PDB file of N, CA and C in Angstrom:
ATOM      1  N   UNK A   1      97.070  85.565 102.279  1.00  0.00           N
ATOM      2  CA  UNK A   1      96.888  86.303 101.291  1.00  0.00           C
ATOM      3  C   UNK A   1      95.727  85.882 100.625  1.00  0.00           C
ATOM      4  N   UNK A   2      94.454  86.467 100.021  1.00  0.00           N
ATOM      5  CA  UNK A   2      93.224  85.985  99.477  1.00  0.00           C
ATOM      6  C   UNK A   2      93.078  86.726  98.248  1.00  0.00           C
ATOM      7  N   UNK A   3      92.771  85.628  97.511  1.00  0.00           N
ATOM      8  CA  UNK A   3      92.719  86.494  96.105  1.00  0.00           C
ATOM      9  C   UNK A   3      91.360  87.245  96.292  1.00  0.00           C
ATOM     10  N   UNK A   4      91.302  88.596  95.502  1.00  0.00           N
ATOM     11  CA  UNK A   4      90.157  89.654  95.420  1.00  0.00           C
ATOM     12  C   UNK A   4      88.868  88.828  94.915  1.00  0.00           C
ATOM     13  N   UNK A   5      87.657  88.458  95.332  1.00  0.00           N
ATOM     14  CA  UNK A   5      86.615  88.090  94.889  1.00  0.00           C
ATOM     15  C   UNK A   5      86.345  88.310  93.559  1.00  0.00           C
ATOM     16  N   UNK A   6      86.268  89.687  93.523  1.00  0.00           N
ATOM     17  CA  UNK A   6      85.661  90.623  92.594  1.00  0.00           C
ATOM     18  C   UNK A   6      86.329  90.882  91.135  1.00  0.00           C
ATOM     19  N   UNK A   7      87.759  90.199  91.297  1.00  0.00           N
ATOM     20  CA  UNK A   7      88.778  90.257  89.996  1.00  0.00           C
ATOM     21  C   UNK A   7      89.254  89.112  89.241  1.00  0.00           C
ATOM     22  N   UNK A   8      89.747  89.037  88.310  1.00  0.00           N
ATOM     23  CA  UNK A   8      90.030  88.003  87.471  1.00  0.00           C
ATOM     24  C   UNK A   8      91.143  88.109  87.361  1.00  0.00           C
ATOM     25  N   UNK A   9      92.097  86.807  87.215  1.00  0.00           N
ATOM     26  CA  UNK A   9      93.749  86.762  86.999  1.00  0.00           C
ATOM     27  C   UNK A   9      93.852  88.048  85.885  1.00  0.00           C
ATOM     28  N   UNK A  10      93.005  88.084  84.859  1.00  0.00           N
ATOM     29  CA  UNK A  10      93.271  89.335  83.814  1.00  0.00           C
ATOM     30  C   UNK A  10      93.738  90.633  84.388  1.00  0.00           C
ATOM     31  N   UNK A  11      92.788  90.444  85.632  1.00  0.00           N
ATOM     32  CA  UNK A  11      92.355  92.044  86.342  1.00  0.00           C
ATOM     33  C   UNK A  11      93.795  92.337  87.031  1.00  0.00           C
ATOM     34  N   UNK A  12      94.535  90.969  87.681  1.00  0.00           N
ATOM     35  CA  UNK A  12      95.501  91.288  88.259  1.00  0.00           C
ATOM     36  C   UNK A  12      96.612  91.423  87.648  1.00  0.00           C
ATOM     37  N   UNK A  13      96.776  90.743  86.377  1.00  0.00           N
ATOM     38  CA  UNK A  13      98.006  90.939  85.515  1.00  0.00           C
ATOM     39  C   UNK A  13      97.781  92.687  85.018  1.00  0.00           C
ATOM     40  N   UNK A  14      96.764  93.022  84.782  1.00  0.00           N
ATOM     41  CA  UNK A  14      96.611  94.373  84.423  1.00  0.00           C
ATOM     42  C   UNK A  14      97.085  95.391  85.283  1.00  0.00           C
ATOM     43  N   UNK A  15      96.660  94.932  86.530  1.00  0.00           N
ATOM     44  CA  UNK A  15      96.772  96.120  87.727  1.00  0.00           C
ATOM     45  C   UNK A  15      98.303  96.256  87.844  1.00  0.00           C
ATOM     46  N   UNK A  16      99.316  95.231  87.837  1.00  0.00           N
ATOM     47  CA  UNK A  16     100.672  95.100  87.694  1.00  0.00           C
ATOM     48  C   UNK A  16     101.291  95.595  86.407  1.00  0.00           C
ATOM     49  N   UNK A  17     100.610  94.949  85.488  1.00  0.00           N
ATOM     50  CA  UNK A  17     101.222  95.646  84.161  1.00  0.00           C
ATOM     51  C   UNK A  17     101.349  97.133  84.227  1.00  0.00           C
ATOM     52  N   UNK A  18     100.282  97.682  84.381  1.00  0.00           N
ATOM     53  CA  UNK A  18     100.320  99.588  84.415  1.00  0.00           C
ATOM     54  C   UNK A  18     100.884  99.824  85.192  1.00  0.00           C
ATOM     55  N   UNK A  19     101.506  99.124  86.552  1.00  0.00           N
ATOM     56  CA  UNK A  19     102.498  99.740  87.762  1.00  0.00           C
ATOM     57  C   UNK A  19     103.977  99.274  86.902  1.00  0.00           C
ATOM     58  N   UNK A  20     104.062  98.148  86.900  1.00  0.00           N
ATOM     59  CA  UNK A  20     105.508  98.106  86.445  1.00  0.00           C
ATOM     60  C   UNK A  20     106.048  98.147  85.045  1.00  0.00           C
ATOM     61  N   UNK A  21     105.091  97.842  83.901  1.00  0.00           N
ATOM     62  CA  UNK A  21     105.410  97.791  82.771  1.00  0.00           C
ATOM     63  C   UNK A  21     105.780  96.635  82.436  1.00  0.00           C
ATOM     64  N   UNK A  22     105.143  95.517  82.538  1.00  0.00           N
ATOM     65  CA  UNK A  22     105.579  93.992  82.670  1.00  0.00           C
ATOM     66  C   UNK A  22     104.829  93.585  81.181  1.00  0.00           C
ATOM     67  N   UNK A  23     105.416  93.033  80.157  1.00  0.00           N
ATOM     68  CA  UNK A  23     104.513  92.683  79.307  1.00  0.00           C
ATOM     69  C   UNK A  23     103.955  91.172  79.665  1.00  0.00           C
ATOM     70  N   UNK A  24     102.920  90.965  78.960  1.00  0.00           N
ATOM     71  CA  UNK A  24     102.044  89.801  78.974  1.00  0.00           C
ATOM     72  C   UNK A  24     102.859  88.683  79.237  1.00  0.00           C
ATOM     73  N   UNK A  25     103.501  88.704  78.335  1.00  0.00           N
ATOM     74  CA  UNK A  25     104.927  87.133  78.258  1.00  0.00           C
ATOM     75  C   UNK A  25     105.234  87.108  79.382  1.00  0.00           C
ATOM     76  N   UNK A  26     105.502  88.222  80.579  1.00  0.00           N
ATOM     77  CA  UNK A  26     106.086  87.973  81.407  1.00  0.00           C
ATOM     78  C   UNK A  26     105.000  87.584  82.713  1.00  0.00           C
ATOM     79  N   UNK A  27     103.976  88.254  82.671  1.00  0.00           N
ATOM     80  CA  UNK A  27     103.041  87.823  83.690  1.00  0.00           C
ATOM     81  C   UNK A  27     102.200  86.424  83.657  1.00  0.00           C
ATOM     82  N   UNK A  28     102.114  85.664  82.426  1.00  0.00           N
ATOM     83  CA  UNK A  28     101.667  84.486  82.200  1.00  0.00           C
ATOM     84  C   UNK A  28     102.679  83.230  82.998  1.00  0.00           C
ATOM     85  N   UNK A  29     104.034  83.719  83.070  1.00  0.00           N
ATOM     86  CA  UNK A  29     104.664  82.578  83.902  1.00  0.00           C
ATOM     87  C   UNK A  29     104.363  82.692  85.075  1.00  0.00           C
ATOM     88  N   UNK A  30     103.447  84.098  85.580  1.00  0.00           N
ATOM     89  CA  UNK A  30     103.722  83.786  87.199  1.00  0.00           C
ATOM     90  C   UNK A  30     102.240  82.735  87.510  1.00  0.00           C
ATOM     91  N   UNK A  31     102.741  82.169  88.952  1.00  0.00           N
ATOM     92  CA  UNK A  31     101.600  81.748  89.823  1.00  0.00           C
ATOM     93  C   UNK A  31     100.420  82.628  90.379  1.00  0.00           C
ATOM     94  N   UNK A  32      99.348  81.926  90.544  1.00  0.00           N
ATOM     95  CA  UNK A  32      98.645  82.967  91.123  1.00  0.00           C
ATOM     96  C   UNK A  32      98.881  83.466  92.391  1.00  0.00           C
ATOM     97  N   UNK A  33      99.968  82.876  93.470  1.00  0.00           N
ATOM     98  CA  UNK A  33     100.146  83.243  94.360  1.00  0.00           C
ATOM     99  C   UNK A  33     100.907  84.561  93.742  1.00  0.00           C
ATOM    100  N   UNK A  34     101.782  84.496  92.892  1.00  0.00           N
ATOM    101  CA  UNK A  34     102.877  85.400  92.756  1.00  0.00           C
ATOM    102  C   UNK A  34     101.918  86.769  92.203  1.00  0.00           C
ATOM    103  N   UNK A  35     100.918  86.304  91.122  1.00  0.00           N
ATOM    104  CA  UNK A  35      99.975  87.303  90.915  1.00  0.00           C
ATOM    105  C   UNK A  35      99.863  88.534  91.923  1.00  0.00           C
ATOM    106  N   UNK A  36      99.210  87.575  93.085  1.00  0.00           N
ATOM    107  CA  UNK A  36      98.429  87.901  94.178  1.00  0.00           C
ATOM    108  C   UNK A  36      99.551  89.000  94.952  1.00  0.00           C
ATOM    109  N   UNK A  37     100.381  88.481  95.359  1.00  0.00           N
ATOM    110  CA  UNK A  37     101.632  89.306  95.551  1.00  0.00           C
ATOM    111  C   UNK A  37     102.144  90.165  95.125  1.00  0.00           C
ATOM    112  N   UNK A  38     102.351  90.203  93.680  1.00  0.00           N
ATOM    113  CA  UNK A  38     103.136  91.124  92.958  1.00  0.00           C
ATOM    114  C   UNK A  38     102.055  92.296  92.643  1.00  0.00           C
ATOM    115  N   UNK A  39     100.231  91.736  92.730  1.00  0.00           N
ATOM    116  CA  UNK A  39      99.161  93.042  92.685  1.00  0.00           C
ATOM    117  C   UNK A  39      99.636  93.868  94.095  1.00  0.00           C
ATOM    118  N   UNK A  40      99.425  93.125  95.062  1.00  0.00           N
ATOM    119  CA  UNK A  40      99.562  94.032  96.338  1.00  0.00           C
ATOM    120  C   UNK A  40     100.737  94.849  96.360  1.00  0.00           C
ATOM    121  N   UNK A  41     101.736  94.582  95.765  1.00  0.00           N
ATOM    122  CA  UNK A  41     102.962  95.488  96.008  1.00  0.00           C
ATOM    123  C   UNK A  41     102.851  96.685  95.036  1.00  0.00           C
ATOM    124  N   UNK A  42     102.204  96.257  93.676  1.00  0.00           N
ATOM    125  CA  UNK A  42     101.798  97.222  92.734  1.00  0.00           C
ATOM    126  C   UNK A  42     100.636  98.173  93.303  1.00  0.00           C
ATOM    127  N   UNK A  43      99.574  97.871  94.648  1.00  0.00           N
ATOM    128  CA  UNK A  43      99.067  98.671  94.879  1.00  0.00           C
ATOM    129  C   UNK A  43      99.368  99.849  96.178  1.00  0.00           C
ATOM    130  N   UNK A  44     100.590  99.322  96.532  1.00  0.00           N
ATOM    131  CA  UNK A  44     101.706 100.047  97.297  1.00  0.00           C
ATOM    132  C   UNK A  44     102.081 101.368  96.424  1.00  0.00           C
ATOM    133  N   UNK A  45     102.858 100.531  95.944  1.00  0.00           N
ATOM    134  CA  UNK A  45     103.164 101.402  94.663  1.00  0.00           C
ATOM    135  C   UNK A  45     102.453 102.665  94.304  1.00  0.00           C
ATOM    136  N   UNK A  46     101.433 102.133  93.915  1.00  0.00           N
ATOM    137  CA  UNK A  46     100.450 103.483  92.986  1.00  0.00           C
ATOM    138  C   UNK A  46     100.106 104.304  94.158  1.00  0.00           C
ATOM    139  N   UNK A  47      99.899 103.933  95.749  1.00  0.00           N
ATOM    140  CA  UNK A  47      99.458 104.746  96.545  1.00  0.00           C
ATOM    141  C   UNK A  47      98.223 104.496  96.589  1.00  0.00           C
ATOM    142  N   UNK A  48      97.252 103.358  96.165  1.00  0.00           N
ATOM    143  CA  UNK A  48      96.169 103.288  96.624  1.00  0.00           C
ATOM    144  C   UNK A  48      95.923 102.178  97.579  1.00  0.00           C
ATOM    145  N   UNK A  49      95.340 102.781  99.183  1.00  0.00           N
ATOM    146  CA  UNK A  49      95.253 101.727  99.994  1.00  0.00           C
ATOM    147  C   UNK A  49      94.191 101.618 100.234  1.00  0.00           C
ATOM    148  N   UNK A  50      93.453 101.640  99.470  1.00  0.00           N
ATOM    149  CA  UNK A  50      91.649 101.525  99.750  1.00  0.00           C
ATOM    150  C   UNK A  50      91.430 100.023  99.620  1.00  0.00           C
ATOM    151  N   UNK A  51      92.562  99.277  99.056  1.00  0.00           N
ATOM    152  CA  UNK A  51      91.502  97.497  98.592  1.00  0.00           C
ATOM    153  C   UNK A  51      91.999  96.976  99.767  1.00  0.00           C
TER     154      UNK A  51
END
């Protein structure tokens, strides 16, 4: 799993927060690998399969 080159960690957190309604306090504790993994899950749940 690769870090999307055009996104920041804040972008990853925002995508996750929109889908799962997690507050920033929960997202700040995640590692970069976890953020990437959860963002992938968020994209799947959102129905967006273009990225």
